[in-house]
Amino acid sequence: METEQQPIDPIIEPYLLASFCAASACTAPAELETAVLDSPPRADSAWIRMGQEVLAGVQTLVSAAVYATLIVTFGFQVARVDGLSMAPTLEDHDRLIVNKLVYELGDPRPGDIVMLYYPLNPEKMFVKRVIAKEGDTVRIVDGHVYVNDIPLRDDYVPAEFRSHDDWGPQVVQQGYYFVMGDHRNNSSDSRHWGPVPKKYIVGKVKVRWWPLQDARIF
């Protein structure tokens, strides 16, 4: 007696063949496997993937903005020199990177170039060099600076930039710093408005990055 042959659904057929092959240790034809696995991409899947990529890009931008804000607020700041009071070390319109974190961990030291709030108008900022720290005695004779009666080694000041004034002697009070510009005869500094409290010192100048040909690490 003959058995009637039932047609096999073309979608189910590959799975039946795969089950048969698994039971009989045969290998299904590659084209069958490809016919089952390869299907045209769905339009909604493409939109979902595009949305995920856009969301990832937005998250990256937001993260970068947050990190930049944290760096500027707590770590580093970009500044521009306005004036010649620190010439020839720094020139007008030089661009600087200021480390704001360093003085949260330690104290300014003589020789550091610092960015600070102008004590007479804290809305302004100056760039000066620390000359003496708290407890030091500063005296200036004919433009030559003495700290604790020891001549300051300031060969970074050219002869034509030196002043010929007299000042002091004066002891720098606790928590304050005596600062001066390298252009001694063209600088408003502690000789005119006194030592600066540490809370007014924003950070240490670490890098001059512009102009590129004069880039330097301090």
Protein backbone atom coordinates (compact mmCIF):
# COMPACT_ATOMS: atom_id res chain seq x y z
CA MET A 1 0.00 0.00 0.00
CA GLU A 2 1.46 3.25 -1.01
CA THR A 3 1.75 6.06 1.45
CA GLU A 4 0.73 9.51 0.27
CA GLN A 5 3.60 11.94 0.15
CA GLN A 6 2.82 15.19 2.04
CA PRO A 7 4.45 18.40 0.79
CA ILE A 8 6.96 19.96 3.21
CA ASP A 9 6.69 23.66 3.99
CA PRO A 10 9.72 25.40 2.36
CA ILE A 11 10.39 27.40 5.56
CA ILE A 12 10.33 24.34 7.84
CA GLU A 13 12.25 22.08 5.48
CA PRO A 14 15.76 23.28 6.37
CA TYR A 15 15.10 22.74 10.09
CA LEU A 16 13.83 19.22 9.43
CA LEU A 17 16.91 18.49 7.38
CA ALA A 18 19.14 19.89 10.10
CA SER A 19 17.44 17.69 12.70
CA PHE A 20 17.81 14.68 10.47
CA CYS A 21 21.49 15.42 9.87
CA ALA A 22 22.14 15.85 13.55
CA ALA A 23 20.66 12.43 14.18
CA SER A 24 22.45 10.75 11.27
CA ALA A 25 25.81 12.61 11.45
CA CYS A 26 25.47 14.04 7.98
CA THR A 27 26.34 17.59 6.94
CA ALA A 28 23.70 19.96 5.68
CA PRO A 29 24.47 21.75 2.42
CA ALA A 30 25.99 25.18 2.92
CA GLU A 31 23.42 26.78 0.64
CA LEU A 32 20.60 25.55 2.87
CA GLU A 33 22.22 27.05 5.95
CA THR A 34 22.73 30.30 4.12
CA ALA A 35 19.14 30.30 2.92
CA VAL A 36 17.91 30.07 6.49
CA LEU A 37 20.30 32.52 8.22
CA ASP A 38 20.51 35.25 5.59
CA SER A 39 17.43 37.43 5.51
CA PRO A 40 16.99 41.00 4.29
CA PRO A 41 17.58 43.55 7.10
CA ARG A 42 14.49 45.05 8.62
CA ALA A 43 14.02 48.81 8.27
CA ASP A 44 13.14 49.23 11.94
CA SER A 45 16.40 47.52 12.96
CA ALA A 46 18.39 50.05 10.92
CA TRP A 47 16.59 52.94 12.65
CA ILE A 48 17.22 51.40 16.06
CA ARG A 49 20.91 50.97 15.27
CA MET A 50 21.14 54.57 14.03
CA GLY A 51 19.42 55.80 17.18
CA GLN A 52 21.87 53.87 19.35
CA GLU A 53 24.83 55.40 17.49
CA VAL A 54 23.41 58.92 17.86
CA LEU A 55 22.82 58.32 21.58
CA ALA A 56 26.38 57.05 22.02
CA GLY A 57 27.71 60.16 20.26
CA VAL A 58 25.67 62.46 22.49
CA GLN A 59 26.89 60.63 25.60
CA THR A 60 30.49 61.06 24.44
CA LEU A 61 30.00 64.80 23.89
CA VAL A 62 28.32 65.26 27.26
CA SER A 63 31.10 63.31 28.99
CA ALA A 64 33.75 65.42 27.24
CA ALA A 65 31.97 68.61 28.32
CA VAL A 66 31.78 67.42 31.92
CA TYR A 67 35.46 66.43 31.96
CA ALA A 68 36.45 69.77 30.40
CA THR A 69 34.43 71.64 33.03
CA LEU A 70 36.04 69.65 35.83
CA ILE A 71 39.51 70.24 34.39
CA VAL A 72 38.95 74.00 34.05
CA THR A 73 37.28 74.27 37.45
CA PHE A 74 39.66 72.16 39.48
CA GLY A 75 42.73 71.35 37.39
CA PHE A 76 43.94 73.57 34.58
CA GLN A 77 43.06 76.85 32.94
CA VAL A 78 44.07 78.49 29.69
CA ALA A 79 45.09 82.14 30.04
CA ARG A 80 46.42 84.94 27.85
CA VAL A 81 49.09 87.46 28.84
CA ASP A 82 47.93 91.06 28.52
CA GLY A 83 50.85 93.44 28.88
CA LEU A 84 54.63 93.39 29.21
CA SER A 85 55.19 93.26 32.98
CA MET A 86 56.67 89.75 32.69
CA ALA A 87 58.85 90.44 29.65
CA PRO A 88 61.11 89.02 28.39
CA THR A 89 60.01 85.73 30.03
CA LEU A 90 56.43 86.21 28.85
CA GLU A 91 55.36 88.54 26.06
CA ASP A 92 52.10 90.29 25.33
CA HIS A 93 49.40 87.90 24.00
CA ASP A 94 51.30 84.74 24.95
CA ARG A 95 48.94 81.84 25.67
CA LEU A 96 49.50 79.88 28.85
CA ILE A 97 48.31 76.75 30.63
CA VAL A 98 47.95 77.29 34.37
CA ASN A 99 47.98 74.41 36.86
CA LYS A 100 45.31 75.27 39.44
CA LEU A 101 45.61 72.04 41.39
CA VAL A 102 49.27 72.30 42.39
CA TYR A 103 48.70 74.83 45.18
CA GLU A 104 45.82 72.79 46.59
CA LEU A 105 48.44 70.16 47.35
CA GLY A 106 51.39 72.41 48.22
CA ASP A 107 52.58 75.99 48.58
CA PRO A 108 54.01 78.46 46.06
CA ARG A 109 57.80 78.59 46.02
CA PRO A 110 60.15 81.44 45.17
CA GLY A 111 60.78 81.41 41.45
CA ASP A 112 57.31 80.13 40.53
CA ILE A 113 55.46 82.10 37.87
CA VAL A 114 51.88 82.39 39.10
CA MET A 115 48.50 83.68 38.04
CA LEU A 116 46.83 85.69 40.79
CA TYR A 117 43.93 87.98 41.56
CA TYR A 118 44.93 91.64 41.65
CA PRO A 119 44.57 92.49 45.38
CA LEU A 120 43.18 95.98 44.70
CA ASN A 121 40.60 94.68 42.23
CA PRO A 122 40.06 90.90 42.41
CA GLU A 123 38.05 90.99 39.17
CA LYS A 124 41.40 91.34 37.37
CA MET A 125 44.15 88.74 37.12
CA PHE A 126 47.89 89.26 36.92
CA VAL A 127 50.85 87.03 36.12
CA LYS A 128 53.89 87.56 38.36
CA ARG A 129 56.89 85.72 39.78
CA VAL A 130 57.06 84.69 43.44
CA ILE A 131 60.10 86.36 45.04
CA ALA A 132 59.67 85.54 48.72
CA LYS A 133 57.40 83.50 50.99
CA GLU A 134 55.95 84.07 54.42
CA GLY A 135 58.57 84.90 57.07
CA ASP A 136 61.14 86.11 54.53
CA THR A 137 62.59 89.62 54.73
CA VAL A 138 62.64 91.49 51.43
CA ARG A 139 64.84 94.50 50.72
CA ILE A 140 65.55 96.28 47.44
CA VAL A 141 68.57 98.52 47.02
CA ASP A 142 69.03 100.38 43.72
CA GLY A 143 66.90 97.75 42.00
CA HIS A 144 68.83 94.79 43.42
CA VAL A 145 66.61 92.42 45.40
CA TYR A 146 67.71 90.79 48.65
CA VAL A 147 65.79 88.02 50.43
CA ASN A 148 66.97 87.45 54.00
CA ASP A 149 70.01 89.59 53.10
CA ILE A 150 70.98 87.20 50.28
CA PRO A 151 71.09 88.67 46.75
CA LEU A 152 68.34 87.23 44.59
CA ARG A 153 69.57 85.24 41.59
CA ASP A 154 67.53 86.98 38.92
CA ASP A 155 69.63 86.69 35.78
CA TYR A 156 66.34 86.29 33.89
CA VAL A 157 66.02 90.08 34.17
CA PRO A 158 68.02 91.90 31.45
CA ALA A 159 69.93 95.03 32.50
CA GLU A 160 67.64 97.31 30.50
CA PHE A 161 64.60 95.90 32.32
CA ARG A 162 65.95 96.57 35.82
CA SER A 163 64.64 99.35 38.01
CA HIS A 164 66.75 101.50 40.35
CA ASP A 165 64.33 101.86 43.23
CA ASP A 166 64.75 101.20 46.93
CA TRP A 167 62.19 99.34 49.01
CA GLY A 168 61.93 97.78 52.46
CA PRO A 169 63.16 95.97 54.35
CA GLN A 170 59.86 94.25 55.11
CA VAL A 171 58.98 90.84 56.53
CA VAL A 172 56.37 88.94 54.53
CA GLN A 173 53.47 88.16 56.85
CA GLN A 174 52.06 84.69 57.49
CA GLY A 175 50.06 83.28 54.58
CA TYR A 176 51.34 85.91 52.09
CA TYR A 177 53.81 86.02 49.19
CA PHE A 178 55.92 88.79 47.72
CA VAL A 179 55.61 88.87 43.91
CA MET A 180 57.25 90.93 41.17
CA GLY A 181 57.18 91.20 37.40
CA ASP A 182 60.33 90.31 35.48
CA HIS A 183 60.13 93.68 33.70
CA ARG A 184 61.07 95.50 36.90
CA ASN A 185 60.71 99.04 35.57
CA ASN A 186 57.33 98.30 33.95
CA SER A 187 55.47 96.21 36.53
CA SER A 188 52.81 96.87 39.14
CA ASP A 189 53.53 94.34 41.88
CA SER A 190 54.16 93.83 45.61
CA ARG A 191 56.39 96.89 45.68
CA HIS A 192 53.26 98.95 45.07
CA TRP A 193 50.36 97.02 46.63
CA GLY A 194 52.09 94.71 49.10
CA PRO A 195 52.35 90.93 49.45
CA VAL A 196 49.57 88.68 48.11
CA PRO A 197 47.55 86.26 50.27
CA LYS A 198 47.77 82.64 49.19
CA LYS A 199 44.01 82.51 48.59
CA TYR A 200 44.53 85.04 45.77
CA ILE A 201 47.05 82.86 43.95
CA VAL A 202 45.08 80.90 41.36
CA GLY A 203 47.76 78.57 40.07
CA LYS A 204 51.20 78.02 38.63
CA VAL A 205 52.04 78.79 35.01
CA LYS A 206 53.25 75.48 33.57
CA VAL A 207 53.28 75.89 29.79
CA ARG A 208 53.47 78.62 27.20
CA TRP A 209 51.84 76.96 24.18
CA TRP A 210 51.51 79.99 21.90
CA PRO A 211 53.30 81.19 19.84
CA LEU A 212 54.26 77.66 18.87
CA GLN A 213 57.84 78.58 18.03
CA ASP A 214 58.27 79.89 21.60
CA ALA A 215 56.47 77.02 23.36
CA ARG A 216 58.04 76.27 26.71
CA ILE A 217 57.49 74.34 29.93
CA PHE A 218 58.20 76.24 33.15
